[in-house]
Amino acid sequence: MALFKKRTVGKPGEWYYCLEHKKVEEGPECPAKDRFGPYTTRAEAEDAMRTARERNLQWENDPKWHDAPASATENDD
């Protein structure tokens, strides 16, 4: 007897974006490692990649998330 049941069907209204198949799914059809979500609407899941790109761009341009420049640590002797 298995300790945990594999959840094959999601709840109605749970939306995911599958990174492997590049499609929106209602309920988790693919493994967690291959999906973004859950989202509350299909539209949010459809925009998952755009949202990820925007957040990555914000992170890349946020000075709080970057280490000190290499030139500041090179000549510390």
PDB file of N, CA and C in Angstrom:
ATOM      1  N   MET A   1       0.843  -1.189   0.000  1.00  0.00           N
ATOM      2  CA  MET A   1       0.000   0.000   0.000  1.00  0.00           C
ATOM      3  C   MET A   1       0.884   1.248   0.000  1.00  0.00           C
ATOM      4  N   ALA A   2       0.606   2.148  -0.890  1.00  0.00           N
ATOM      5  CA  ALA A   2       1.383   3.377  -0.995  1.00  0.00           C
ATOM      6  C   ALA A   2       1.012   4.338   0.122  1.00  0.00           C
ATOM      7  N   LEU A   3       2.023   5.045   0.611  1.00  0.00           N
ATOM      8  CA  LEU A   3       1.765   6.040   1.651  1.00  0.00           C
ATOM      9  C   LEU A   3       1.055   7.264   1.095  1.00  0.00           C
ATOM     10  N   PHE A   4       1.415   7.629  -0.117  1.00  0.00           N
ATOM     11  CA  PHE A   4       0.832   8.822  -0.723  1.00  0.00           C
ATOM     12  C   PHE A   4       0.212   8.448  -2.057  1.00  0.00           C
ATOM     13  N   LYS A   5      -0.968   8.946  -2.294  1.00  0.00           N
ATOM     14  CA  LYS A   5      -1.608   8.733  -3.586  1.00  0.00           C
ATOM     15  C   LYS A   5      -1.129   9.804  -4.548  1.00  0.00           C
ATOM     16  N   LYS A   6      -0.876   9.417  -5.770  1.00  0.00           N
ATOM     17  CA  LYS A   6      -0.501  10.377  -6.797  1.00  0.00           C
ATOM     18  C   LYS A   6      -1.748  11.132  -7.214  1.00  0.00           C
ATOM     19  N   ARG A   7      -1.685  12.432  -7.121  1.00  0.00           N
ATOM     20  CA  ARG A   7      -2.824  13.263  -7.495  1.00  0.00           C
ATOM     21  C   ARG A   7      -2.802  13.473  -8.999  1.00  0.00           C
ATOM     22  N   THR A   8      -3.747  12.896  -9.672  1.00  0.00           N
ATOM     23  CA  THR A   8      -3.771  12.979 -11.130  1.00  0.00           C
ATOM     24  C   THR A   8      -4.764  14.011 -11.642  1.00  0.00           C
ATOM     25  N   VAL A   9      -5.729  14.368 -10.841  1.00  0.00           N
ATOM     26  CA  VAL A   9      -6.746  15.314 -11.277  1.00  0.00           C
ATOM     27  C   VAL A   9      -6.761  16.486 -10.318  1.00  0.00           C
ATOM     28  N   GLY A  10      -6.720  17.679 -10.872  1.00  0.00           N
ATOM     29  CA  GLY A  10      -6.751  18.870 -10.041  1.00  0.00           C
ATOM     30  C   GLY A  10      -8.161  19.262  -9.682  1.00  0.00           C
ATOM     31  N   LYS A  11      -8.235  20.262  -8.846  1.00  0.00           N
ATOM     32  CA  LYS A  11      -9.542  20.806  -8.478  1.00  0.00           C
ATOM     33  C   LYS A  11     -10.050  21.677  -9.627  1.00  0.00           C
ATOM     34  N   PRO A  12     -11.339  21.700  -9.828  1.00  0.00           N
ATOM     35  CA  PRO A  12     -11.875  22.623 -10.836  1.00  0.00           C
ATOM     36  C   PRO A  12     -11.474  24.054 -10.475  1.00  0.00           C
ATOM     37  N   GLY A  13     -11.007  24.784 -11.456  1.00  0.00           N
ATOM     38  CA  GLY A  13     -10.597  26.161 -11.213  1.00  0.00           C
ATOM     39  C   GLY A  13      -9.118  26.322 -10.923  1.00  0.00           C
ATOM     40  N   GLU A  14      -8.359  25.225 -10.833  1.00  0.00           N
ATOM     41  CA  GLU A  14      -6.908  25.312 -10.691  1.00  0.00           C
ATOM     42  C   GLU A  14      -6.304  25.256 -12.091  1.00  0.00           C
ATOM     43  N   TRP A  15      -5.565  26.276 -12.447  1.00  0.00           N
ATOM     44  CA  TRP A  15      -4.982  26.350 -13.777  1.00  0.00           C
ATOM     45  C   TRP A  15      -3.470  26.342 -13.674  1.00  0.00           C
ATOM     46  N   TYR A  16      -2.818  25.655 -14.604  1.00  0.00           N
ATOM     47  CA  TYR A  16      -1.371  25.536 -14.638  1.00  0.00           C
ATOM     48  C   TYR A  16      -0.878  25.801 -16.051  1.00  0.00           C
ATOM     49  N   TYR A  17       0.392  26.201 -16.151  1.00  0.00           N
ATOM     50  CA  TYR A  17       1.023  26.307 -17.453  1.00  0.00           C
ATOM     51  C   TYR A  17       2.109  25.250 -17.511  1.00  0.00           C
ATOM     52  N   CYS A  18       2.005  24.320 -18.449  1.00  0.00           N
ATOM     53  CA  CYS A  18       2.975  23.237 -18.606  1.00  0.00           C
ATOM     54  C   CYS A  18       4.146  23.740 -19.446  1.00  0.00           C
ATOM     55  N   LEU A  19       5.343  23.705 -18.862  1.00  0.00           N
ATOM     56  CA  LEU A  19       6.541  24.178 -19.551  1.00  0.00           C
ATOM     57  C   LEU A  19       6.994  23.205 -20.634  1.00  0.00           C
ATOM     58  N   GLU A  20       6.719  21.936 -20.452  1.00  0.00           N
ATOM     59  CA  GLU A  20       7.145  20.935 -21.436  1.00  0.00           C
ATOM     60  C   GLU A  20       6.253  20.953 -22.675  1.00  0.00           C
ATOM     61  N   HIS A  21       4.941  21.004 -22.462  1.00  0.00           N
ATOM     62  CA  HIS A  21       3.999  20.966 -23.584  1.00  0.00           C
ATOM     63  C   HIS A  21       3.595  22.356 -24.081  1.00  0.00           C
ATOM     64  N   LYS A  22       4.000  23.381 -23.316  1.00  0.00           N
ATOM     65  CA  LYS A  22       3.690  24.779 -23.660  1.00  0.00           C
ATOM     66  C   LYS A  22       2.194  24.985 -23.857  1.00  0.00           C
ATOM     67  N   LYS A  23       1.440  24.540 -22.844  1.00  0.00           N
ATOM     68  CA  LYS A  23      -0.015  24.700 -22.911  1.00  0.00           C
ATOM     69  C   LYS A  23      -0.585  24.882 -21.510  1.00  0.00           C
ATOM     70  N   VAL A  24      -1.783  25.420 -21.476  1.00  0.00           N
ATOM     71  CA  VAL A  24      -2.511  25.616 -20.231  1.00  0.00           C
ATOM     72  C   VAL A  24      -3.283  24.343 -19.915  1.00  0.00           C
ATOM     73  N   GLU A  25      -3.266  23.966 -18.640  1.00  0.00           N
ATOM     74  CA  GLU A  25      -3.975  22.766 -18.205  1.00  0.00           C
ATOM     75  C   GLU A  25      -4.860  23.116 -17.009  1.00  0.00           C
ATOM     76  N   GLU A  26      -6.035  22.536 -16.977  1.00  0.00           N
ATOM     77  CA  GLU A  26      -6.863  22.674 -15.776  1.00  0.00           C
ATOM     78  C   GLU A  26      -6.559  21.467 -14.901  1.00  0.00           C
ATOM     79  N   GLY A  27      -6.044  21.738 -13.743  1.00  0.00           N
ATOM     80  CA  GLY A  27      -5.602  20.661 -12.864  1.00  0.00           C
ATOM     81  C   GLY A  27      -4.203  20.234 -13.244  1.00  0.00           C
ATOM     82  N   PRO A  28      -3.453  19.674 -12.311  1.00  0.00           N
ATOM     83  CA  PRO A  28      -2.075  19.288 -12.618  1.00  0.00           C
ATOM     84  C   PRO A  28      -2.016  18.001 -13.431  1.00  0.00           C
ATOM     85  N   GLU A  29      -1.827  18.128 -14.726  1.00  0.00           N
ATOM     86  CA  GLU A  29      -1.705  16.960 -15.596  1.00  0.00           C
ATOM     87  C   GLU A  29      -0.258  16.496 -15.683  1.00  0.00           C
ATOM     88  N   CYS A  30       0.684  17.415 -15.555  1.00  0.00           N
ATOM     89  CA  CYS A  30       2.104  17.103 -15.686  1.00  0.00           C
ATOM     90  C   CYS A  30       2.793  17.245 -14.324  1.00  0.00           C
ATOM     91  N   PRO A  31       4.000  16.683 -14.181  1.00  0.00           N
ATOM     92  CA  PRO A  31       4.716  16.774 -12.913  1.00  0.00           C
ATOM     93  C   PRO A  31       4.990  18.233 -12.515  1.00  0.00           C
ATOM     94  N   ALA A  32       5.107  18.473 -11.225  1.00  0.00           N
ATOM     95  CA  ALA A  32       5.318  19.819 -10.702  1.00  0.00           C
ATOM     96  C   ALA A  32       6.572  20.474 -11.277  1.00  0.00           C
ATOM     97  N   LYS A  33       7.606  19.679 -11.547  1.00  0.00           N
ATOM     98  CA  LYS A  33       8.847  20.239 -12.083  1.00  0.00           C
ATOM     99  C   LYS A  33       8.662  20.830 -13.479  1.00  0.00           C
ATOM    100  N   ASP A  34       7.569  20.490 -14.146  1.00  0.00           N
ATOM    101  CA  ASP A  34       7.331  20.949 -15.510  1.00  0.00           C
ATOM    102  C   ASP A  34       6.213  21.983 -15.623  1.00  0.00           C
ATOM    103  N   ARG A  35       5.827  22.600 -14.523  1.00  0.00           N
ATOM    104  CA  ARG A  35       4.684  23.515 -14.629  1.00  0.00           C
ATOM    105  C   ARG A  35       4.813  24.714 -13.703  1.00  0.00           C
ATOM    106  N   PHE A  36       4.122  25.786 -14.080  1.00  0.00           N
ATOM    107  CA  PHE A  36       3.923  26.965 -13.236  1.00  0.00           C
ATOM    108  C   PHE A  36       2.489  26.908 -12.751  1.00  0.00           C
ATOM    109  N   GLY A  37       2.248  27.362 -11.541  1.00  0.00           N
ATOM    110  CA  GLY A  37       0.885  27.431 -11.033  1.00  0.00           C
ATOM    111  C   GLY A  37       0.785  26.894  -9.637  1.00  0.00           C
ATOM    112  N   PRO A  38      -0.379  26.851  -9.085  1.00  0.00           N
ATOM    113  CA  PRO A  38      -1.672  27.061  -9.732  1.00  0.00           C
ATOM    114  C   PRO A  38      -2.034  28.545  -9.852  1.00  0.00           C
ATOM    115  N   TYR A  39      -2.806  28.827 -10.846  1.00  0.00           N
ATOM    116  CA  TYR A  39      -3.368  30.158 -11.076  1.00  0.00           C
ATOM    117  C   TYR A  39      -4.873  30.068 -10.869  1.00  0.00           C
ATOM    118  N   THR A  40      -5.482  31.196 -10.539  1.00  0.00           N
ATOM    119  CA  THR A  40      -6.924  31.185 -10.265  1.00  0.00           C
ATOM    120  C   THR A  40      -7.764  31.264 -11.534  1.00  0.00           C
ATOM    121  N   THR A  41      -7.154  31.753 -12.627  1.00  0.00           N
ATOM    122  CA  THR A  41      -7.905  31.837 -13.885  1.00  0.00           C
ATOM    123  C   THR A  41      -7.075  31.279 -15.040  1.00  0.00           C
ATOM    124  N   ARG A  42      -7.758  30.896 -16.083  1.00  0.00           N
ATOM    125  CA  ARG A  42      -7.086  30.418 -17.299  1.00  0.00           C
ATOM    126  C   ARG A  42      -6.227  31.524 -17.897  1.00  0.00           C
ATOM    127  N   ALA A  43      -6.724  32.759 -17.867  1.00  0.00           N
ATOM    128  CA  ALA A  43      -5.988  33.895 -18.435  1.00  0.00           C
ATOM    129  C   ALA A  43      -4.651  34.103 -17.721  1.00  0.00           C
ATOM    130  N   GLU A  44      -4.635  33.965 -16.398  1.00  0.00           N
ATOM    131  CA  GLU A  44      -3.378  34.101 -15.651  1.00  0.00           C
ATOM    132  C   GLU A  44      -2.388  33.014 -16.064  1.00  0.00           C
ATOM    133  N   ALA A  45      -2.872  31.794 -16.242  1.00  0.00           N
ATOM    134  CA  ALA A  45      -2.006  30.699 -16.667  1.00  0.00           C
ATOM    135  C   ALA A  45      -1.480  30.941 -18.086  1.00  0.00           C
ATOM    136  N   GLU A  46      -2.309  31.487 -18.955  1.00  0.00           N
ATOM    137  CA  GLU A  46      -1.882  31.788 -20.317  1.00  0.00           C
ATOM    138  C   GLU A  46      -0.772  32.830 -20.335  1.00  0.00           C
ATOM    139  N   ASP A  47      -0.763  33.722 -19.354  1.00  0.00           N
ATOM    140  CA  ASP A  47       0.247  34.780 -19.264  1.00  0.00           C
ATOM    141  C   ASP A  47       1.450  34.384 -18.415  1.00  0.00           C
ATOM    142  N   ALA A  48       1.566  33.121 -18.044  1.00  0.00           N
ATOM    143  CA  ALA A  48       2.622  32.683 -17.123  1.00  0.00           C
ATOM    144  C   ALA A  48       4.022  33.015 -17.632  1.00  0.00           C
ATOM    145  N   MET A  49       4.301  32.768 -18.882  1.00  0.00           N
ATOM    146  CA  MET A  49       5.639  33.018 -19.413  1.00  0.00           C
ATOM    147  C   MET A  49       5.937  34.517 -19.488  1.00  0.00           C
ATOM    148  N   ARG A  50       4.953  35.312 -19.863  1.00  0.00           N
ATOM    149  CA  ARG A  50       5.145  36.769 -19.899  1.00  0.00           C
ATOM    150  C   ARG A  50       5.410  37.290 -18.498  1.00  0.00           C
ATOM    151  N   THR A  51       4.627  36.805 -17.535  1.00  0.00           N
ATOM    152  CA  THR A  51       4.806  37.222 -16.147  1.00  0.00           C
ATOM    153  C   THR A  51       6.195  36.846 -15.648  1.00  0.00           C
ATOM    154  N   ALA A  52       6.650  35.647 -15.971  1.00  0.00           N
ATOM    155  CA  ALA A  52       7.985  35.205 -15.557  1.00  0.00           C
ATOM    156  C   ALA A  52       9.068  36.085 -16.183  1.00  0.00           C
ATOM    157  N   ARG A  53       8.932  36.402 -17.470  1.00  0.00           N
ATOM    158  CA  ARG A  53       9.913  37.278 -18.130  1.00  0.00           C
ATOM    159  C   ARG A  53       9.958  38.646 -17.471  1.00  0.00           C
ATOM    160  N   GLU A  54       8.802  39.224 -17.173  1.00  0.00           N
ATOM    161  CA  GLU A  54       8.748  40.541 -16.532  1.00  0.00           C
ATOM    162  C   GLU A  54       9.389  40.512 -15.145  1.00  0.00           C
ATOM    163  N   ARG A  55       9.108  39.473 -14.383  1.00  0.00           N
ATOM    164  CA  ARG A  55       9.694  39.371 -13.044  1.00  0.00           C
ATOM    165  C   ARG A  55      11.199  39.149 -13.110  1.00  0.00           C
ATOM    166  N   ASN A  56      11.660  38.354 -14.070  1.00  0.00           N
ATOM    167  CA  ASN A  56      13.104  38.161 -14.234  1.00  0.00           C
ATOM    168  C   ASN A  56      13.796  39.469 -14.592  1.00  0.00           C
ATOM    169  N   LEU A  57      13.184  40.255 -15.464  1.00  0.00           N
ATOM    170  CA  LEU A  57      13.749  41.541 -15.855  1.00  0.00           C
ATOM    171  C   LEU A  57      13.814  42.480 -14.652  1.00  0.00           C
ATOM    172  N   GLN A  58      12.749  42.520 -13.853  1.00  0.00           N
ATOM    173  CA  GLN A  58      12.758  43.345 -12.643  1.00  0.00           C
ATOM    174  C   GLN A  58      13.875  42.913 -11.704  1.00  0.00           C
ATOM    175  N   TRP A  59      14.041  41.614 -11.533  1.00  0.00           N
ATOM    176  CA  TRP A  59      15.081  41.097 -10.655  1.00  0.00           C
ATOM    177  C   TRP A  59      16.468  41.448 -11.175  1.00  0.00           C
ATOM    178  N   GLU A  60      16.687  41.290 -12.472  1.00  0.00           N
ATOM    179  CA  GLU A  60      17.990  41.588 -13.058  1.00  0.00           C
ATOM    180  C   GLU A  60      18.365  43.051 -12.920  1.00  0.00           C
ATOM    181  N   ASN A  61      17.378  43.935 -12.873  1.00  0.00           N
ATOM    182  CA  ASN A  61      17.638  45.374 -12.779  1.00  0.00           C
ATOM    183  C   ASN A  61      17.490  45.927 -11.367  1.00  0.00           C
ATOM    184  N   ASP A  62      17.274  45.076 -10.392  1.00  0.00           N
ATOM    185  CA  ASP A  62      17.110  45.512  -9.009  1.00  0.00           C
ATOM    186  C   ASP A  62      18.470  45.487  -8.306  1.00  0.00           C
ATOM    187  N   PRO A  63      19.007  46.647  -7.925  1.00  0.00           N
ATOM    188  CA  PRO A  63      20.340  46.673  -7.310  1.00  0.00           C
ATOM    189  C   PRO A  63      20.411  45.929  -5.978  1.00  0.00           C
ATOM    190  N   LYS A  64      19.309  45.733  -5.306  1.00  0.00           N
ATOM    191  CA  LYS A  64      19.322  45.011  -4.029  1.00  0.00           C
ATOM    192  C   LYS A  64      19.686  43.542  -4.210  1.00  0.00           C
ATOM    193  N   TRP A  65      19.514  43.000  -5.422  1.00  0.00           N
ATOM    194  CA  TRP A  65      19.721  41.572  -5.656  1.00  0.00           C
ATOM    195  C   TRP A  65      21.069  41.253  -6.274  1.00  0.00           C
ATOM    196  N   HIS A  66      21.922  42.231  -6.439  1.00  0.00           N
ATOM    197  CA  HIS A  66      23.211  41.992  -7.073  1.00  0.00           C
ATOM    198  C   HIS A  66      24.337  42.114  -6.064  1.00  0.00           C
ATOM    199  N   ASP A  67      25.351  41.283  -6.232  1.00  0.00           N
ATOM    200  CA  ASP A  67      26.539  41.358  -5.393  1.00  0.00           C
ATOM    201  C   ASP A  67      27.339  42.601  -5.758  1.00  0.00           C
ATOM    202  N   ALA A  68      28.346  42.883  -4.937  1.00  0.00           N
ATOM    203  CA  ALA A  68      29.219  44.011  -5.222  1.00  0.00           C
ATOM    204  C   ALA A  68      29.927  43.783  -6.555  1.00  0.00           C
ATOM    205  N   PRO A  69      30.195  44.843  -7.287  1.00  0.00           N
ATOM    206  CA  PRO A  69      30.890  44.687  -8.565  1.00  0.00           C
ATOM    207  C   PRO A  69      32.246  44.013  -8.365  1.00  0.00           C
ATOM    208  N   ALA A  70      32.693  43.267  -9.350  1.00  0.00           N
ATOM    209  CA  ALA A  70      33.960  42.541  -9.261  1.00  0.00           C
ATOM    210  C   ALA A  70      35.125  43.492  -9.036  1.00  0.00           C
ATOM    211  N   SER A  71      35.096  44.683  -9.594  1.00  0.00           N
ATOM    212  CA  SER A  71      36.199  45.633  -9.450  1.00  0.00           C
ATOM    213  C   SER A  71      36.374  46.086  -8.002  1.00  0.00           C
ATOM    214  N   ALA A  72      35.327  46.074  -7.204  1.00  0.00           N
ATOM    215  CA  ALA A  72      35.417  46.488  -5.807  1.00  0.00           C
ATOM    216  C   ALA A  72      36.110  45.449  -4.948  1.00  0.00           C
ATOM    217  N   THR A  73      36.106  44.179  -5.357  1.00  0.00           N
ATOM    218  CA  THR A  73      36.711  43.129  -4.549  1.00  0.00           C
ATOM    219  C   THR A  73      38.065  42.670  -5.083  1.00  0.00           C
ATOM    220  N   GLU A  74      38.455  43.095  -6.278  1.00  0.00           N
ATOM    221  CA  GLU A  74      39.712  42.646  -6.874  1.00  0.00           C
ATOM    222  C   GLU A  74      40.938  43.205  -6.171  1.00  0.00           C
ATOM    223  N   ASN A  75      40.920  44.454  -5.746  1.00  0.00           N
ATOM    224  CA  ASN A  75      42.099  45.126  -5.189  1.00  0.00           C
ATOM    225  C   ASN A  75      41.972  45.346  -3.695  1.00  0.00           C
ATOM    226  N   ASP A  76      41.499  44.375  -2.957  1.00  0.00           N
ATOM    227  CA  ASP A  76      41.342  44.522  -1.513  1.00  0.00           C
ATOM    228  C   ASP A  76      42.591  44.161  -0.733  1.00  0.00           C
ATOM    229  N   ASP A  77      43.736  43.934  -1.374  1.00  0.00           N
ATOM    230  CA  ASP A  77      44.964  43.522  -0.693  1.00  0.00           C
ATOM    231  C   ASP A  77      45.493  44.608   0.150  1.00  0.00           C
TER     232      ASP A  77
END
